[in-house]
Each structure stands twice: as C-alpha cells, then as structure tokens.
N, C-alpha and C. Protein backbone atom coordinates (compact mmCIF):
# COMPACT_ATOMS: atom_id res chain seq x y z
N MET A 1 120.53 127.03 90.15
CA MET A 1 120.53 128.36 90.78
C MET A 1 121.32 129.32 90.12
N ASN A 2 120.85 130.25 89.58
CA ASN A 2 121.62 131.36 89.01
C ASN A 2 122.04 132.38 89.97
N LEU A 3 123.18 132.39 90.18
CA LEU A 3 123.68 133.48 91.25
C LEU A 3 123.63 134.86 90.75
N LYS A 4 123.81 135.17 89.44
CA LYS A 4 123.53 136.57 89.17
C LYS A 4 122.18 136.96 89.01
N GLU A 5 121.33 136.11 88.92
CA GLU A 5 119.84 136.54 89.04
C GLU A 5 119.36 136.74 90.37
N ILE A 6 119.90 136.06 91.26
CA ILE A 6 119.67 136.14 92.84
C ILE A 6 120.22 137.47 93.29
N TYR A 7 121.32 137.86 92.86
CA TYR A 7 122.08 139.00 93.17
C TYR A 7 121.29 140.23 92.60
N SER A 8 121.03 140.02 91.24
CA SER A 8 120.44 141.14 90.61
C SER A 8 118.86 141.46 91.22
N GLU A 9 118.09 140.45 91.56
CA GLU A 9 116.90 140.79 92.11
C GLU A 9 117.05 141.27 93.51
N LEU A 10 117.86 140.91 94.21
CA LEU A 10 118.13 141.51 95.38
C LEU A 10 118.59 142.90 95.32
N LEU A 11 119.57 143.39 94.47
CA LEU A 11 119.92 144.72 94.39
C LEU A 11 118.82 145.55 93.75
N SER A 12 117.96 144.97 92.98
CA SER A 12 117.00 145.71 92.43
C SER A 12 115.86 145.98 93.50
N ASN A 13 115.59 145.06 94.31
CA ASN A 13 114.52 145.19 95.46
C ASN A 13 115.11 146.18 96.52
N ILE A 14 116.46 146.39 96.56
CA ILE A 14 116.92 147.42 97.62
C ILE A 14 117.33 148.73 97.15
N GLY A 15 116.97 149.06 95.51
CA GLY A 15 117.03 150.18 95.16
C GLY A 15 118.25 150.52 94.24
N PHE A 16 118.90 149.63 93.73
CA PHE A 16 119.92 149.88 92.83
C PHE A 16 119.37 149.79 91.35
N SER A 17 120.15 150.53 90.38
CA SER A 17 119.53 150.70 89.07
C SER A 17 120.21 149.43 88.34
N ALA A 18 119.60 149.37 87.13
CA ALA A 18 120.13 148.12 86.42
C ALA A 18 121.68 148.42 85.93
N ASN A 19 122.03 149.56 85.47
CA ASN A 19 123.49 149.86 85.37
C ASN A 19 124.41 149.58 86.66
N GLU A 20 124.04 149.88 87.82
CA GLU A 20 124.69 149.70 88.92
C GLU A 20 124.69 148.13 89.31
N ILE A 21 123.65 147.63 88.99
CA ILE A 21 123.81 145.95 89.25
C ILE A 21 124.61 145.34 88.49
N GLN A 22 124.60 145.72 87.22
CA GLN A 22 125.54 145.11 86.32
C GLN A 22 127.05 145.34 86.60
N GLN A 23 127.35 146.53 87.07
CA GLN A 23 128.74 147.08 87.45
C GLN A 23 129.20 146.27 88.56
N ASN A 24 128.30 146.38 89.50
CA ASN A 24 128.64 145.49 90.86
C ASN A 24 128.63 144.09 90.79
N TRP A 25 127.93 143.51 89.98
CA TRP A 25 128.02 142.03 89.55
C TRP A 25 129.50 141.83 88.92
N ASN A 26 129.86 142.67 88.01
CA ASN A 26 131.05 142.34 87.37
C ASN A 26 132.26 142.30 88.33
N ASP A 27 132.17 143.32 89.50
CA ASP A 27 133.11 143.40 90.32
C ASP A 27 133.10 142.30 91.17
N LEU A 28 131.88 141.99 91.68
CA LEU A 28 131.70 140.92 92.51
C LEU A 28 132.27 139.47 92.14
N GLU A 29 132.02 139.23 90.76
CA GLU A 29 132.44 137.97 89.88
C GLU A 29 133.96 138.09 89.82
N LYS A 30 134.43 139.20 89.50
CA LYS A 30 135.80 139.21 89.30
C LYS A 30 136.67 138.90 90.67
N SER A 31 136.21 139.44 91.56
CA SER A 31 136.73 139.26 92.93
C SER A 31 136.74 137.81 93.63
N TYR A 32 135.62 137.21 93.41
CA TYR A 32 135.59 135.50 93.85
C TYR A 32 136.08 134.88 92.80
N SER A 33 136.30 135.07 91.64
CA SER A 33 136.83 134.39 90.63
C SER A 33 138.34 134.44 90.42
N ALA A 34 139.03 135.08 91.20
CA ALA A 34 140.42 135.32 91.24
C ALA A 34 141.21 133.85 91.48
N LYS A 35 142.16 133.82 90.68
CA LYS A 35 142.91 132.72 90.52
C LYS A 35 143.36 132.02 92.06
N SER A 36 143.68 132.91 92.86
CA SER A 36 144.08 132.58 94.29
C SER A 36 142.90 131.97 95.02
N ARG A 37 141.68 132.03 94.58
CA ARG A 37 140.63 131.60 95.35
C ARG A 37 140.35 130.11 95.00
N HIS A 38 140.56 129.12 95.93
CA HIS A 38 140.27 127.92 95.70
C HIS A 38 138.91 127.25 96.38
N TYR A 39 138.75 128.05 97.55
CA TYR A 39 137.45 127.58 98.51
C TYR A 39 136.53 128.89 98.36
N HIS A 40 137.13 130.06 98.71
CA HIS A 40 136.36 131.40 98.96
C HIS A 40 135.97 132.08 97.66
N ASN A 41 135.11 131.22 96.84
CA ASN A 41 134.83 131.72 95.43
C ASN A 41 133.22 131.61 95.45
N LEU A 42 132.81 131.52 94.05
CA LEU A 42 131.41 131.70 93.81
C LEU A 42 130.62 130.34 94.19
N THR A 43 131.33 129.36 94.33
CA THR A 43 130.86 128.20 94.65
C THR A 43 130.43 128.06 96.10
N HIS A 44 131.27 128.71 97.07
CA HIS A 44 130.95 128.94 98.40
C HIS A 44 129.82 129.65 98.65
N LEU A 45 129.60 130.68 97.68
CA LEU A 45 128.49 131.69 97.73
C LEU A 45 127.11 130.78 97.75
N LYS A 46 127.26 130.07 96.32
CA LYS A 46 126.10 129.37 96.10
C LYS A 46 125.69 128.41 97.17
N GLU A 47 126.71 127.71 97.77
CA GLU A 47 126.39 126.78 98.97
C GLU A 47 125.71 127.59 100.03
N MET A 48 126.18 128.66 100.41
CA MET A 48 125.63 129.51 101.49
C MET A 48 124.20 129.89 101.21
N ILE A 49 123.91 130.18 99.91
CA ILE A 49 122.55 130.67 99.42
C ILE A 49 121.61 129.54 99.52
N VAL A 50 122.11 128.43 99.21
CA VAL A 50 121.00 127.13 99.39
C VAL A 50 120.57 127.09 100.70
N SER A 51 121.42 127.26 101.78
CA SER A 51 121.10 127.14 103.32
C SER A 51 120.07 128.31 103.52
N PHE A 52 120.58 129.51 103.01
CA PHE A 52 119.82 130.85 103.08
C PHE A 52 118.35 130.44 102.57
N GLU A 53 117.93 129.92 101.51
CA GLU A 53 116.77 129.81 100.94
C GLU A 53 116.08 128.85 101.90
N ILE A 54 116.43 127.77 102.34
CA ILE A 54 116.00 126.79 103.29
C ILE A 54 115.54 127.37 104.56
N TYR A 55 116.09 128.46 105.03
CA TYR A 55 115.83 128.97 106.40
C TYR A 55 115.57 130.44 106.13
N ARG A 56 115.05 130.89 105.03
CA ARG A 56 114.78 132.40 104.85
C ARG A 56 113.63 132.68 105.77
N ASP A 57 112.69 131.74 106.17
CA ASP A 57 111.55 132.18 106.89
C ASP A 57 111.97 132.34 108.27
N GLN A 58 113.16 131.87 108.73
CA GLN A 58 113.62 131.96 110.23
C GLN A 58 114.14 133.43 110.14
N LEU A 59 114.64 133.99 109.37
CA LEU A 59 115.33 135.37 109.27
C LEU A 59 114.42 136.60 109.47
N GLN A 60 114.82 137.40 110.40
CA GLN A 60 114.19 138.85 110.54
C GLN A 60 114.42 139.64 109.53
N LYS A 61 115.67 139.55 108.90
CA LYS A 61 116.19 140.51 108.02
C LYS A 61 116.80 139.98 106.71
N PRO A 62 116.07 139.24 105.99
CA PRO A 62 116.54 138.32 104.95
C PRO A 62 117.44 139.10 103.84
N ASN A 63 117.10 140.25 103.51
CA ASN A 63 117.87 141.05 102.61
C ASN A 63 119.25 141.40 103.07
N GLU A 64 119.27 141.88 104.28
CA GLU A 64 120.53 142.10 104.99
C GLU A 64 121.40 140.80 105.02
N ILE A 65 120.92 139.76 105.36
CA ILE A 65 121.70 138.49 105.54
C ILE A 65 122.19 138.16 103.86
N LEU A 66 121.38 138.08 102.93
CA LEU A 66 121.63 137.82 101.48
C LEU A 66 122.71 138.63 101.03
N PHE A 67 122.61 139.79 101.26
CA PHE A 67 123.49 140.88 100.78
C PHE A 67 124.90 140.65 101.46
N SER A 68 124.76 140.21 102.75
CA SER A 68 126.05 139.92 103.32
C SER A 68 126.76 138.82 102.81
N ILE A 69 125.96 137.76 102.78
CA ILE A 69 126.47 136.51 101.90
C ILE A 69 127.44 136.76 100.93
N PHE A 70 126.93 137.67 99.90
CA PHE A 70 127.60 138.03 98.80
C PHE A 70 128.80 138.72 99.04
N TYR A 71 128.81 139.57 100.04
CA TYR A 71 130.05 140.41 100.36
C TYR A 71 130.90 140.02 101.47
N HIS A 72 130.61 138.91 102.16
CA HIS A 72 131.56 138.53 103.39
C HIS A 72 132.86 138.15 102.98
N ASP A 73 133.08 137.42 101.83
CA ASP A 73 134.50 137.37 101.54
C ASP A 73 134.88 138.08 100.25
N PHE A 74 134.39 139.38 100.10
CA PHE A 74 134.70 140.05 98.85
C PHE A 74 136.22 140.42 98.73
N ILE A 75 136.67 140.95 100.16
CA ILE A 75 138.05 140.88 100.23
C ILE A 75 138.59 139.66 100.86
N TYR A 76 139.74 138.96 100.07
CA TYR A 76 140.23 137.98 100.68
C TYR A 76 141.56 137.56 100.31
N SER A 77 142.57 137.72 101.26
CA SER A 77 143.88 137.53 101.18
C SER A 77 144.28 136.61 102.27
N ALA A 78 144.86 135.46 101.97
CA ALA A 78 145.47 134.52 103.06
C ALA A 78 146.34 135.03 103.81
N SER A 79 147.14 136.07 103.54
CA SER A 79 148.36 136.67 104.46
C SER A 79 147.71 137.75 105.14
N LYS A 80 146.33 138.04 105.15
CA LYS A 80 145.82 139.26 105.82
C LYS A 80 144.99 138.86 107.01
N LYS A 81 144.87 139.74 108.06
CA LYS A 81 144.19 139.41 109.43
C LYS A 81 142.68 140.11 109.24
N ASP A 82 142.58 141.05 108.17
CA ASP A 82 141.52 142.10 108.31
C ASP A 82 140.63 141.93 107.19
N ASN A 83 140.41 140.74 106.46
CA ASN A 83 139.58 140.69 105.49
C ASN A 83 138.14 140.70 105.65
N GLU A 84 137.63 140.54 106.71
CA GLU A 84 136.21 140.72 107.23
C GLU A 84 135.86 142.04 107.33
N LEU A 85 136.72 142.79 107.97
CA LEU A 85 136.66 144.24 108.16
C LEU A 85 136.62 145.01 106.86
N LYS A 86 137.73 144.53 105.93
CA LYS A 86 137.59 145.11 104.71
C LYS A 86 136.49 144.84 103.66
N SER A 87 136.06 143.57 103.89
CA SER A 87 134.84 143.29 103.22
C SER A 87 133.61 144.08 103.71
N ALA A 88 133.38 144.24 104.89
CA ALA A 88 132.48 144.98 105.51
C ALA A 88 132.45 146.38 105.06
N GLU A 89 133.71 147.11 105.12
CA GLU A 89 133.82 148.27 104.53
C GLU A 89 133.43 148.38 103.10
N TYR A 90 133.70 147.45 102.43
CA TYR A 90 133.38 147.45 100.89
C TYR A 90 132.01 147.56 100.71
N ALA A 91 131.38 146.58 101.40
CA ALA A 91 129.93 146.49 101.22
C ALA A 91 129.07 147.82 101.78
N LEU A 92 129.75 148.36 102.78
CA LEU A 92 129.01 149.50 103.10
C LEU A 92 129.23 150.79 101.96
N ALA A 93 130.37 150.67 101.35
CA ALA A 93 130.74 151.70 100.45
C ALA A 93 129.87 151.75 99.30
N ILE A 94 129.27 150.71 98.82
CA ILE A 94 128.49 150.66 97.63
C ILE A 94 127.03 150.79 97.95
N LEU A 95 126.65 151.07 99.38
CA LEU A 95 125.35 151.22 99.75
C LEU A 95 125.26 152.76 100.04
N THR A 96 124.07 153.39 99.66
CA THR A 96 123.90 154.79 99.73
C THR A 96 122.57 154.89 100.62
N LYS A 97 122.27 156.28 100.80
CA LYS A 97 121.23 156.59 101.77
C LYS A 97 119.96 156.10 100.81
N ASN A 98 120.01 155.93 99.58
CA ASN A 98 118.75 155.44 98.69
C ASN A 98 118.64 154.01 98.85
N HIS A 99 119.48 153.26 99.50
CA HIS A 99 119.14 151.80 99.55
C HIS A 99 118.64 151.31 100.88
N THR A 100 117.79 150.53 100.89
CA THR A 100 116.80 150.19 102.04
C THR A 100 117.30 148.98 102.97
N LEU A 101 118.58 149.18 103.06
CA LEU A 101 119.26 148.07 104.08
C LEU A 101 119.69 148.62 105.44
N ASN A 102 119.66 147.78 106.40
CA ASN A 102 120.17 148.42 107.74
C ASN A 102 121.88 148.31 107.50
N LYS A 103 122.46 149.29 107.42
CA LYS A 103 123.98 149.37 107.08
C LYS A 103 124.78 148.86 108.26
N GLN A 104 124.24 149.12 109.49
CA GLN A 104 125.06 148.73 110.58
C GLN A 104 124.92 147.38 110.81
N LEU A 105 123.72 146.76 110.38
CA LEU A 105 123.50 145.27 110.61
C LEU A 105 124.42 144.59 109.67
N VAL A 106 124.48 145.10 108.32
CA VAL A 106 125.29 144.37 107.46
C VAL A 106 126.83 144.40 107.88
N PHE A 107 127.36 145.62 108.31
CA PHE A 107 128.61 145.72 108.61
C PHE A 107 128.93 144.59 109.98
N ASP A 108 127.85 144.56 110.70
CA ASP A 108 128.10 143.62 111.93
C ASP A 108 127.99 142.23 111.60
N ILE A 109 127.30 141.87 110.60
CA ILE A 109 127.16 140.48 110.17
C ILE A 109 128.35 140.18 109.40
N ILE A 110 128.94 140.81 108.61
CA ILE A 110 130.23 140.55 107.69
C ILE A 110 131.34 140.37 108.84
N CYS A 111 131.55 141.28 109.58
CA CYS A 111 132.54 141.32 110.81
C CYS A 111 132.35 139.92 111.57
N ALA A 112 131.25 139.74 111.82
CA ALA A 112 130.93 138.43 112.84
C ALA A 112 131.72 137.16 112.14
N THR A 113 131.76 137.07 110.74
CA THR A 113 132.36 135.85 110.23
C THR A 113 133.81 135.83 110.32
N GLN A 114 134.40 136.64 111.07
CA GLN A 114 135.85 136.56 111.34
C GLN A 114 136.07 135.38 112.66
N GLN A 115 135.31 135.59 113.70
CA GLN A 115 135.17 134.99 114.82
C GLN A 115 134.30 133.64 114.97
N HIS A 116 133.18 133.82 114.23
CA HIS A 116 132.16 132.97 114.14
C HIS A 116 131.79 132.40 115.76
N GLN A 117 131.53 133.69 116.39
CA GLN A 117 131.10 133.36 117.85
C GLN A 117 129.55 133.83 118.01
N HIS A 118 128.96 133.28 119.04
CA HIS A 118 127.52 133.13 119.18
C HIS A 118 127.31 134.84 119.36
N ASN A 119 126.30 135.19 118.77
CA ASN A 119 125.74 136.57 118.61
C ASN A 119 124.35 136.83 119.41
N SER A 120 124.10 138.07 119.96
CA SER A 120 122.70 138.24 120.46
C SER A 120 121.68 138.51 119.43
N ILE A 121 122.22 138.72 117.94
CA ILE A 121 121.19 138.89 117.01
C ILE A 121 121.25 137.49 116.48
N GLU A 122 119.90 137.11 116.24
CA GLU A 122 119.64 135.51 115.80
C GLU A 122 120.02 135.61 114.38
N ASP A 123 119.76 136.67 113.60
CA ASP A 123 120.07 136.62 112.16
C ASP A 123 121.65 136.28 111.80
N ILE A 124 122.50 136.92 112.65
CA ILE A 124 123.97 136.71 112.63
C ILE A 124 124.26 135.22 112.94
N ASN A 125 123.60 134.65 113.84
CA ASN A 125 124.05 133.33 114.03
C ASN A 125 123.44 132.33 112.91
N TRP A 126 122.51 132.52 112.32
CA TRP A 126 122.15 131.90 111.01
C TRP A 126 123.29 131.89 110.01
N LEU A 127 123.75 133.02 109.78
CA LEU A 127 124.79 133.30 108.63
C LEU A 127 126.04 132.77 109.13
N ILE A 128 126.48 132.84 110.33
CA ILE A 128 127.68 132.00 110.75
C ILE A 128 127.47 130.48 110.41
N ASP A 129 126.37 130.06 110.64
CA ASP A 129 126.12 128.72 110.46
C ASP A 129 126.07 128.18 109.19
N PHE A 130 125.40 129.22 108.20
CA PHE A 130 125.59 128.97 106.81
C PHE A 130 127.00 128.90 106.31
N ASP A 131 127.84 129.76 107.04
CA ASP A 131 129.10 129.90 106.60
C ASP A 131 130.05 128.62 106.87
N LEU A 132 129.58 128.03 108.03
CA LEU A 132 130.34 126.79 108.77
C LEU A 132 129.81 125.38 108.27
N LYS A 133 128.80 125.40 107.34
CA LYS A 133 128.10 123.94 107.26
C LYS A 133 128.96 123.12 106.53
N ILE A 134 130.05 123.67 105.70
CA ILE A 134 131.02 122.88 105.06
C ILE A 134 131.78 122.07 105.99
N LEU A 135 131.74 122.49 107.37
CA LEU A 135 132.64 121.65 108.17
C LEU A 135 131.80 120.24 108.53
N ALA A 136 130.67 120.19 108.26
CA ALA A 136 129.93 118.93 108.44
C ALA A 136 129.64 118.04 107.08
N LYS A 137 130.46 118.40 106.19
CA LYS A 137 130.02 117.45 104.95
C LYS A 137 130.52 116.16 105.12
N ASP A 138 130.26 115.24 104.10
CA ASP A 138 130.79 113.89 104.22
C ASP A 138 132.27 114.01 104.24
N TRP A 139 132.98 113.07 104.64
CA TRP A 139 134.60 113.26 104.63
C TRP A 139 135.18 113.65 103.39
N ASN A 140 134.78 112.88 102.32
CA ASN A 140 135.34 113.15 101.00
C ASN A 140 135.18 114.51 100.50
N ASP A 141 134.08 115.21 100.71
CA ASP A 141 133.74 116.68 100.50
C ASP A 141 134.58 117.53 101.54
N TYR A 142 134.63 117.11 102.75
CA TYR A 142 135.31 118.04 103.69
C TYR A 142 136.86 117.83 103.33
N LYS A 143 137.28 116.74 102.88
CA LYS A 143 138.69 116.65 102.41
C LYS A 143 138.99 117.67 101.24
N ILE A 144 138.17 117.72 100.26
CA ILE A 144 138.34 118.58 99.30
C ILE A 144 138.34 120.09 99.86
N TYR A 145 137.46 120.30 100.69
CA TYR A 145 137.40 121.68 101.36
C TYR A 145 138.78 122.00 101.89
N PHE A 146 139.27 121.25 102.69
CA PHE A 146 140.60 121.63 103.58
C PHE A 146 141.87 121.52 102.35
N GLU A 147 141.66 120.84 101.36
CA GLU A 147 142.80 120.78 100.25
C GLU A 147 142.68 122.06 99.53
N GLN A 148 141.49 122.58 99.42
CA GLN A 148 141.31 123.91 98.79
C GLN A 148 141.83 125.02 99.57
N ILE A 149 141.62 124.87 101.08
CA ILE A 149 142.20 126.05 101.90
C ILE A 149 143.64 126.01 101.93
N ARG A 150 144.29 124.66 101.91
CA ARG A 150 145.72 124.63 101.90
C ARG A 150 146.47 125.32 100.53
N LYS A 151 145.42 125.29 99.47
CA LYS A 151 146.08 125.89 98.24
C LYS A 151 145.90 127.23 98.40
N GLU A 152 144.80 127.88 99.21
CA GLU A 152 145.01 129.34 99.35
C GLU A 152 145.98 129.91 100.20
N TYR A 153 146.45 128.96 101.04
CA TYR A 153 147.49 129.36 101.83
C TYR A 153 148.88 128.73 101.41
N ARG A 154 149.04 128.55 100.20
CA ARG A 154 150.15 127.86 99.60
C ARG A 154 151.49 128.64 99.74
N ILE A 155 151.49 130.01 100.01
CA ILE A 155 152.43 130.92 100.32
C ILE A 155 153.23 130.27 101.41
N TYR A 156 152.57 129.52 102.35
CA TYR A 156 153.21 129.30 103.67
C TYR A 156 153.52 127.74 103.60
N PRO A 157 154.83 127.38 104.07
CA PRO A 157 155.42 126.10 104.07
C PRO A 157 154.56 125.26 105.11
N ASP A 158 154.63 123.95 105.00
CA ASP A 158 153.93 123.05 105.99
C ASP A 158 154.23 123.50 107.37
N PHE A 159 155.74 123.70 107.64
CA PHE A 159 155.84 123.86 109.02
C PHE A 159 155.29 125.19 109.65
N LEU A 160 154.88 126.07 108.86
CA LEU A 160 154.06 127.09 109.42
C LEU A 160 152.73 126.88 109.26
N TYR A 161 152.17 126.35 108.09
CA TYR A 161 150.58 126.04 107.97
C TYR A 161 150.22 125.21 108.82
N LYS A 162 150.67 123.99 109.18
CA LYS A 162 150.08 122.97 109.72
C LYS A 162 149.72 123.26 111.08
N PRO A 163 150.79 123.74 111.95
CA PRO A 163 150.50 124.27 113.35
C PRO A 163 149.34 125.35 113.30
N GLY A 164 149.44 126.40 112.34
CA GLY A 164 148.42 127.34 112.46
C GLY A 164 146.98 126.95 112.08
N ARG A 165 147.04 125.98 111.06
CA ARG A 165 145.48 125.37 110.71
C ARG A 165 145.14 124.58 111.98
N ALA A 166 145.91 123.77 112.61
CA ALA A 166 145.53 122.82 113.83
C ALA A 166 145.06 123.80 114.91
N LYS A 167 145.72 124.91 115.03
CA LYS A 167 145.27 125.81 116.11
C LYS A 167 143.96 126.36 115.83
N ALA A 168 143.68 126.79 114.68
CA ALA A 168 142.43 127.45 114.56
C ALA A 168 141.15 126.34 114.38
N LEU A 169 141.59 125.10 114.03
CA LEU A 169 140.55 124.00 114.15
C LEU A 169 140.27 123.59 115.67
N LYS A 170 141.54 123.74 116.52
CA LYS A 170 141.23 123.33 117.86
C LYS A 170 140.37 124.39 118.72
N HIS A 171 140.48 125.62 118.12
CA HIS A 171 139.62 126.63 118.71
C HIS A 171 138.17 126.19 118.47
N PHE A 172 137.70 125.85 117.29
CA PHE A 172 136.32 125.26 117.17
C PHE A 172 135.84 124.26 118.23
N LEU A 173 136.76 123.41 118.47
CA LEU A 173 136.54 122.25 119.26
C LEU A 173 136.54 122.75 120.67
N GLU A 174 137.27 123.68 121.08
CA GLU A 174 137.14 124.24 122.52
C GLU A 174 136.07 124.97 122.97
N ASN A 175 135.23 125.41 121.73
CA ASN A 175 133.89 126.26 122.18
C ASN A 175 132.82 125.15 122.67
N GLU A 176 131.99 125.60 123.24
CA GLU A 176 130.85 124.64 123.61
C GLU A 176 130.29 124.04 122.57
N PHE A 177 129.90 124.82 121.46
CA PHE A 177 129.51 124.58 120.10
C PHE A 177 129.95 125.27 119.10
N ILE A 178 130.07 124.53 117.94
CA ILE A 178 130.65 124.96 116.62
C ILE A 178 129.69 125.80 115.81
N PHE A 179 128.32 125.30 115.96
CA PHE A 179 127.10 125.95 115.27
C PHE A 179 126.31 126.88 116.34
N GLN A 180 125.78 127.76 115.81
CA GLN A 180 125.21 128.77 116.82
C GLN A 180 123.63 128.71 116.97
N THR A 181 122.90 127.92 115.88
CA THR A 181 121.55 127.60 116.20
C THR A 181 121.27 126.41 116.50
N ASP A 182 120.24 126.08 117.07
CA ASP A 182 119.86 125.01 117.66
C ASP A 182 119.47 123.91 116.39
N GLU A 183 119.02 124.47 115.24
CA GLU A 183 118.87 123.59 114.17
C GLU A 183 119.97 123.00 113.66
N PHE A 184 121.23 123.82 113.52
CA PHE A 184 122.48 123.40 112.93
C PHE A 184 123.10 122.43 113.94
N ARG A 185 122.93 122.82 115.22
CA ARG A 185 123.68 122.05 116.14
C ARG A 185 123.11 120.46 116.18
N GLY A 186 121.73 120.35 115.90
CA GLY A 186 121.05 119.03 116.04
C GLY A 186 121.42 118.48 114.84
N LEU A 187 121.55 119.08 113.57
CA LEU A 187 121.73 118.41 112.34
C LEU A 187 123.28 118.24 112.09
N TYR A 188 124.32 119.01 112.59
CA TYR A 188 125.75 118.97 111.97
C TYR A 188 126.91 118.96 113.10
N GLU A 189 126.47 119.23 114.43
CA GLU A 189 127.40 119.44 115.39
C GLU A 189 128.37 118.20 115.35
N GLU A 190 127.78 117.03 115.70
CA GLU A 190 128.56 115.82 115.77
C GLU A 190 129.40 115.52 114.59
N LYS A 191 129.03 115.57 113.25
CA LYS A 191 129.63 115.42 112.18
C LYS A 191 130.81 116.53 111.99
N ALA A 192 130.51 117.63 112.42
CA ALA A 192 131.60 118.70 112.09
C ALA A 192 132.78 118.33 113.06
N ARG A 193 132.47 118.01 114.46
CA ARG A 193 133.59 117.77 115.31
C ARG A 193 134.41 116.66 114.93
N ALA A 194 133.76 115.63 114.50
CA ALA A 194 134.36 114.28 113.88
C ALA A 194 135.43 114.70 112.86
N ASN A 195 134.85 115.34 111.82
CA ASN A 195 135.75 115.89 110.66
C ASN A 195 136.93 116.81 111.21
N ILE A 196 136.87 117.60 112.18
CA ILE A 196 137.77 118.57 112.75
C ILE A 196 138.76 117.65 113.22
N GLU A 197 138.33 116.76 114.09
CA GLU A 197 139.24 115.93 114.96
C GLU A 197 140.11 115.08 113.85
N LYS A 198 139.73 114.56 112.69
CA LYS A 198 140.30 113.55 111.98
C LYS A 198 141.39 114.54 111.21
N GLU A 199 140.94 115.73 110.78
CA GLU A 199 141.91 116.79 110.13
C GLU A 199 143.21 116.94 110.93
N ILE A 200 142.86 117.19 112.32
CA ILE A 200 143.95 117.55 113.17
C ILE A 200 145.02 116.60 113.19
N LEU A 201 144.37 115.25 113.39
CA LEU A 201 145.40 114.23 113.28
C LEU A 201 146.23 114.25 112.00
N LEU A 202 145.66 114.51 110.91
CA LEU A 202 146.54 114.42 109.67
C LEU A 202 147.47 115.60 109.55
N LEU A 203 147.29 116.54 110.41
CA LEU A 203 148.21 117.81 110.48
C LEU A 203 149.39 117.82 111.42
N THR A 204 149.10 116.66 112.46
CA THR A 204 150.01 116.38 113.46
C THR A 204 151.04 115.35 113.22
C-alpha cells in the first residue's frame, strides 16, 4: 500500500490541486517522520488505513474518516496535553470553503482520539477502534508498541513514566469496553485487556 497515493487520491477527490497535494504531503511526511516519533509515525497511519479499507463500507463519511486518520497525530509532543486539539486545528486550517469535507466532523473526529470514549456518531467509534487496534496485537508486537511509546516519553524517568503509563492503561480497563464498535469488541476486546493487564504488571 502506497500511503502517498492514497493521500493524493483523497485530496484530489475533495478539491485540492496537484501542487497543494504535493506540498501538504511533504508537510505530513516531515511531521510523521520526526526522529522523536517511534510509534506515532507513518507506520501507525498505514495500520489504521488497513482497518479503514476493511470497514470502509460501514462508514457514513469515509472521506472525513480517512482525512482524519492522516491528521489525527499531525501534532505530537509527549510533553503536551493538547496534541489532538492542535492536530484538529491544523487539519481545519488546510481546508478551505472549496473542499468538500464536513469540517466540524473532521474536528470532532480528531479531538475524539484524545479520550477514546464512545461517541454518538458511529463513524467516530470506528476511527477510535482503528486507532486502538494495536492493543490487541500478539504479545511480541504489543511489546514492540509499548517499547516505542516508552521511547517517545524518554524525557521522563521511570519513576514518573511508569505510574503515569499504568494509570492511563488502568483507565482503559475501568471502562466497560475498550473498543467502541460491536465488531472490534467481538474480535479484540479480550486480547486487548489481557495485553494491558500484562503490561501493567511489568510497570509495577
């Protein structure tokens, strides 16, 4: 799968010129390829788009979802709490009145990736699940994931990082469900909970 081709086709379909597409792609690639990004990078986008392609027919607004996938982690700093809001604002900033996307929906979708809570808009629930599917990987892949996250937070020593990470993980377990769609709950809920519980044990 060629990420740039998928991106270019999407932007062309919603009204961007070839020059705008190339410039925006360059900005996107640069952002997601920063040295500080060990997990929230282009590979993460690719994995989300694999899920998007599988479940595209379930989505009411596939273009908004796909655009939001590309921009949901555009701004990412481990020391900041407003990455999602800043990413949503950036995504809106490159959309003009000539572009055929529901801008409010794009904004809401990207902001929803901060809390990963159930939403009344089903498309948002799908995107949240695409974002969290990593939690249900086989243990070796899950281990690579949490090691990558640790590298992104390397500015924090273990005595700060470990309790913070454990708290965030416990938050997932305290919810009735990790995943927001019936499809993902059936396929991945059990595996994700087992992985999270195992990681918490390693952190304590």
